[in-house]
């Protein structure tokens, strides 16, 4: 299950309290974001130990600023409170799974 969160403070809490976190940074007007959403949902539902959240870029400038996000969709992967992967643009399910290994 993918939970929508708001703001850098909430994102920091999620990252701090979980070992492995996948963050989908998106916007409702973004076509590639809407294509990637179901892929992220599927990976989230079938990957044990992975916490997955979505952050709407239009409502969360602080997240974009903190992580240097200039284009969407962007996926961020955190492992033990550290950013370990970042990808921009649509990627297929196999690549998403590879990112979160």
C-alpha atoms as a PDB file:
ATOM      1  CA  UNK A   1       0.000   0.000   0.000  1.00  0.00           C
ATOM      2  CA  UNK A   2       1.245   3.470  -0.873  1.00  0.00           C
ATOM      3  CA  UNK A   3       0.497   6.308   1.528  1.00  0.00           C
ATOM      4  CA  UNK A   4       0.407   9.952   0.458  1.00  0.00           C
ATOM      5  CA  UNK A   5       2.412  12.215   2.765  1.00  0.00           C
ATOM      6  CA  UNK A   6       2.866  15.963   2.955  1.00  0.00           C
ATOM      7  CA  UNK A   7       5.988  17.910   3.731  1.00  0.00           C
ATOM      8  CA  UNK A   8       9.598  17.267   4.472  1.00  0.00           C
ATOM      9  CA  UNK A   9       8.962  16.761   8.187  1.00  0.00           C
ATOM     10  CA  UNK A  10       6.573  13.865   7.540  1.00  0.00           C
ATOM     11  CA  UNK A  11       8.936  12.362   4.970  1.00  0.00           C
ATOM     12  CA  UNK A  12      11.831  12.581   7.419  1.00  0.00           C
ATOM     13  CA  UNK A  13       9.741  10.747  10.046  1.00  0.00           C
ATOM     14  CA  UNK A  14       8.900   7.928   7.631  1.00  0.00           C
ATOM     15  CA  UNK A  15      12.529   7.567   6.547  1.00  0.00           C
ATOM     16  CA  UNK A  16      13.798   7.680  10.131  1.00  0.00           C
ATOM     17  CA  UNK A  17      11.326   5.053  11.371  1.00  0.00           C
ATOM     18  CA  UNK A  18      11.701   2.472   8.584  1.00  0.00           C
ATOM     19  CA  UNK A  19      14.656   0.524   7.196  1.00  0.00           C
ATOM     20  CA  UNK A  20      13.720   0.662   3.504  1.00  0.00           C
ATOM     21  CA  UNK A  21      11.591   3.440   1.985  1.00  0.00           C
ATOM     22  CA  UNK A  22      10.557   4.127  -1.608  1.00  0.00           C
ATOM     23  CA  UNK A  23       9.363   7.685  -2.281  1.00  0.00           C
ATOM     24  CA  UNK A  24       7.384   8.452  -5.434  1.00  0.00           C
ATOM     25  CA  UNK A  25       7.561  12.196  -6.149  1.00  0.00           C
ATOM     26  CA  UNK A  26       4.802  13.033  -8.617  1.00  0.00           C
ATOM     27  CA  UNK A  27       2.110  15.515  -9.673  1.00  0.00           C
ATOM     28  CA  UNK A  28      -1.457  14.874 -10.866  1.00  0.00           C
ATOM     29  CA  UNK A  29      -0.897  16.668 -14.203  1.00  0.00           C
ATOM     30  CA  UNK A  30       2.175  14.570 -15.082  1.00  0.00           C
ATOM     31  CA  UNK A  31       1.456  11.804 -17.611  1.00  0.00           C
ATOM     32  CA  UNK A  32       4.572   9.721 -16.887  1.00  0.00           C
ATOM     33  CA  UNK A  33       3.781  10.042 -13.151  1.00  0.00           C
ATOM     34  CA  UNK A  34       0.317   8.570 -13.723  1.00  0.00           C
ATOM     35  CA  UNK A  35       1.918   5.729 -15.700  1.00  0.00           C
ATOM     36  CA  UNK A  36       4.468   5.035 -12.962  1.00  0.00           C
ATOM     37  CA  UNK A  37       1.906   5.123 -10.122  1.00  0.00           C
ATOM     38  CA  UNK A  38       0.448   1.622 -10.728  1.00  0.00           C
ATOM     39  CA  UNK A  39       3.959   0.198 -11.141  1.00  0.00           C
ATOM     40  CA  UNK A  40       4.992   1.661  -7.762  1.00  0.00           C
ATOM     41  CA  UNK A  41       1.764   0.300  -6.195  1.00  0.00           C
ATOM     42  CA  UNK A  42       2.515  -3.200  -7.494  1.00  0.00           C
ATOM     43  CA  UNK A  43       6.094  -3.135  -6.231  1.00  0.00           C
ATOM     44  CA  UNK A  44       4.915  -1.777  -2.857  1.00  0.00           C
ATOM     45  CA  UNK A  45       2.290  -4.521  -2.517  1.00  0.00           C
ATOM     46  CA  UNK A  46       4.706  -7.330  -3.358  1.00  0.00           C
ATOM     47  CA  UNK A  47       7.962  -6.294  -1.664  1.00  0.00           C
ATOM     48  CA  UNK A  48       8.300  -7.358   1.934  1.00  0.00           C
ATOM     49  CA  UNK A  49       9.836  -4.817   4.306  1.00  0.00           C
ATOM     50  CA  UNK A  50       9.415  -1.886   1.904  1.00  0.00           C
ATOM     51  CA  UNK A  51       7.511   1.205   3.027  1.00  0.00           C
ATOM     52  CA  UNK A  52       6.266   3.224   0.053  1.00  0.00           C
ATOM     53  CA  UNK A  53       4.995   6.802   0.082  1.00  0.00           C
ATOM     54  CA  UNK A  54       3.924   9.372  -2.519  1.00  0.00           C
ATOM     55  CA  UNK A  55       4.725  13.076  -2.336  1.00  0.00           C
ATOM     56  CA  UNK A  56       2.812  15.536  -4.547  1.00  0.00           C
ATOM     57  CA  UNK A  57       5.477  17.921  -5.833  1.00  0.00           C
ATOM     58  CA  UNK A  58       2.940  20.727  -6.384  1.00  0.00           C
ATOM     59  CA  UNK A  59       2.208  20.777  -2.655  1.00  0.00           C
ATOM     60  CA  UNK A  60       5.682  20.016  -1.292  1.00  0.00           C
ATOM     61  CA  UNK A  61       8.344  22.426  -2.568  1.00  0.00           C
ATOM     62  CA  UNK A  62      10.461  21.654   0.491  1.00  0.00           C
ATOM     63  CA  UNK A  63      10.938  18.038  -0.616  1.00  0.00           C
ATOM     64  CA  UNK A  64      11.975  19.114  -4.125  1.00  0.00           C
ATOM     65  CA  UNK A  65      14.437  21.616  -2.717  1.00  0.00           C
ATOM     66  CA  UNK A  66      15.985  19.193  -0.215  1.00  0.00           C
ATOM     67  CA  UNK A  67      16.577  16.446  -2.791  1.00  0.00           C
ATOM     68  CA  UNK A  68      17.316  18.602  -5.853  1.00  0.00           C
ATOM     69  CA  UNK A  69      14.281  17.378  -7.763  1.00  0.00           C
ATOM     70  CA  UNK A  70      13.950  19.250 -11.050  1.00  0.00           C
ATOM     71  CA  UNK A  71      11.823  16.781 -13.028  1.00  0.00           C
ATOM     72  CA  UNK A  72       9.159  14.200 -12.266  1.00  0.00           C
ATOM     73  CA  UNK A  73       8.414  11.443 -11.737  1.00  0.00           C
ATOM     74  CA  UNK A  74      11.332  10.976  -9.381  1.00  0.00           C
ATOM     75  CA  UNK A  75      11.830   7.906  -7.228  1.00  0.00           C
ATOM     76  CA  UNK A  76      13.947   8.123  -4.093  1.00  0.00           C
ATOM     77  CA  UNK A  77      15.094   5.013  -2.256  1.00  0.00           C
ATOM     78  CA  UNK A  78      16.267   5.214   1.346  1.00  0.00           C
ATOM     79  CA  UNK A  79      17.987   2.408   3.195  1.00  0.00           C
ATOM     80  CA  UNK A  80      18.649   2.824   6.916  1.00  0.00           C
ATOM     81  CA  UNK A  81      17.958   6.581   6.802  1.00  0.00           C
ATOM     82  CA  UNK A  82      20.319   7.161   3.844  1.00  0.00           C
ATOM     83  CA  UNK A  83      19.411   8.048   0.249  1.00  0.00           C
ATOM     84  CA  UNK A  84      20.811   5.160  -1.806  1.00  0.00           C
ATOM     85  CA  UNK A  85      19.060   5.543  -5.184  1.00  0.00           C
ATOM     86  CA  UNK A  86      17.385   8.297  -7.198  1.00  0.00           C
ATOM     87  CA  UNK A  87      15.863   7.994 -10.649  1.00  0.00           C
ATOM     88  CA  UNK A  88      13.994  10.443 -12.858  1.00  0.00           C
ATOM     89  CA  UNK A  89      11.362   9.567 -15.453  1.00  0.00           C
ATOM     90  CA  UNK A  90       9.214   6.535 -16.086  1.00  0.00           C
ATOM     91  CA  UNK A  91      10.907   3.180 -15.547  1.00  0.00           C
ATOM     92  CA  UNK A  92       9.436  -0.328 -15.895  1.00  0.00           C
ATOM     93  CA  UNK A  93       8.597  -2.557 -12.959  1.00  0.00           C
ATOM     94  CA  UNK A  94      11.806  -4.603 -13.224  1.00  0.00           C
ATOM     95  CA  UNK A  95      13.903  -1.425 -12.852  1.00  0.00           C
ATOM     96  CA  UNK A  96      11.850  -0.274  -9.845  1.00  0.00           C
ATOM     97  CA  UNK A  97      12.399  -3.668  -8.217  1.00  0.00           C
ATOM     98  CA  UNK A  98      16.125  -3.381  -8.931  1.00  0.00           C
ATOM     99  CA  UNK A  99      16.215   0.050  -7.266  1.00  0.00           C
ATOM    100  CA  UNK A 100      14.679  -1.205  -4.026  1.00  0.00           C
ATOM    101  CA  UNK A 101      16.755  -4.408  -3.671  1.00  0.00           C
END
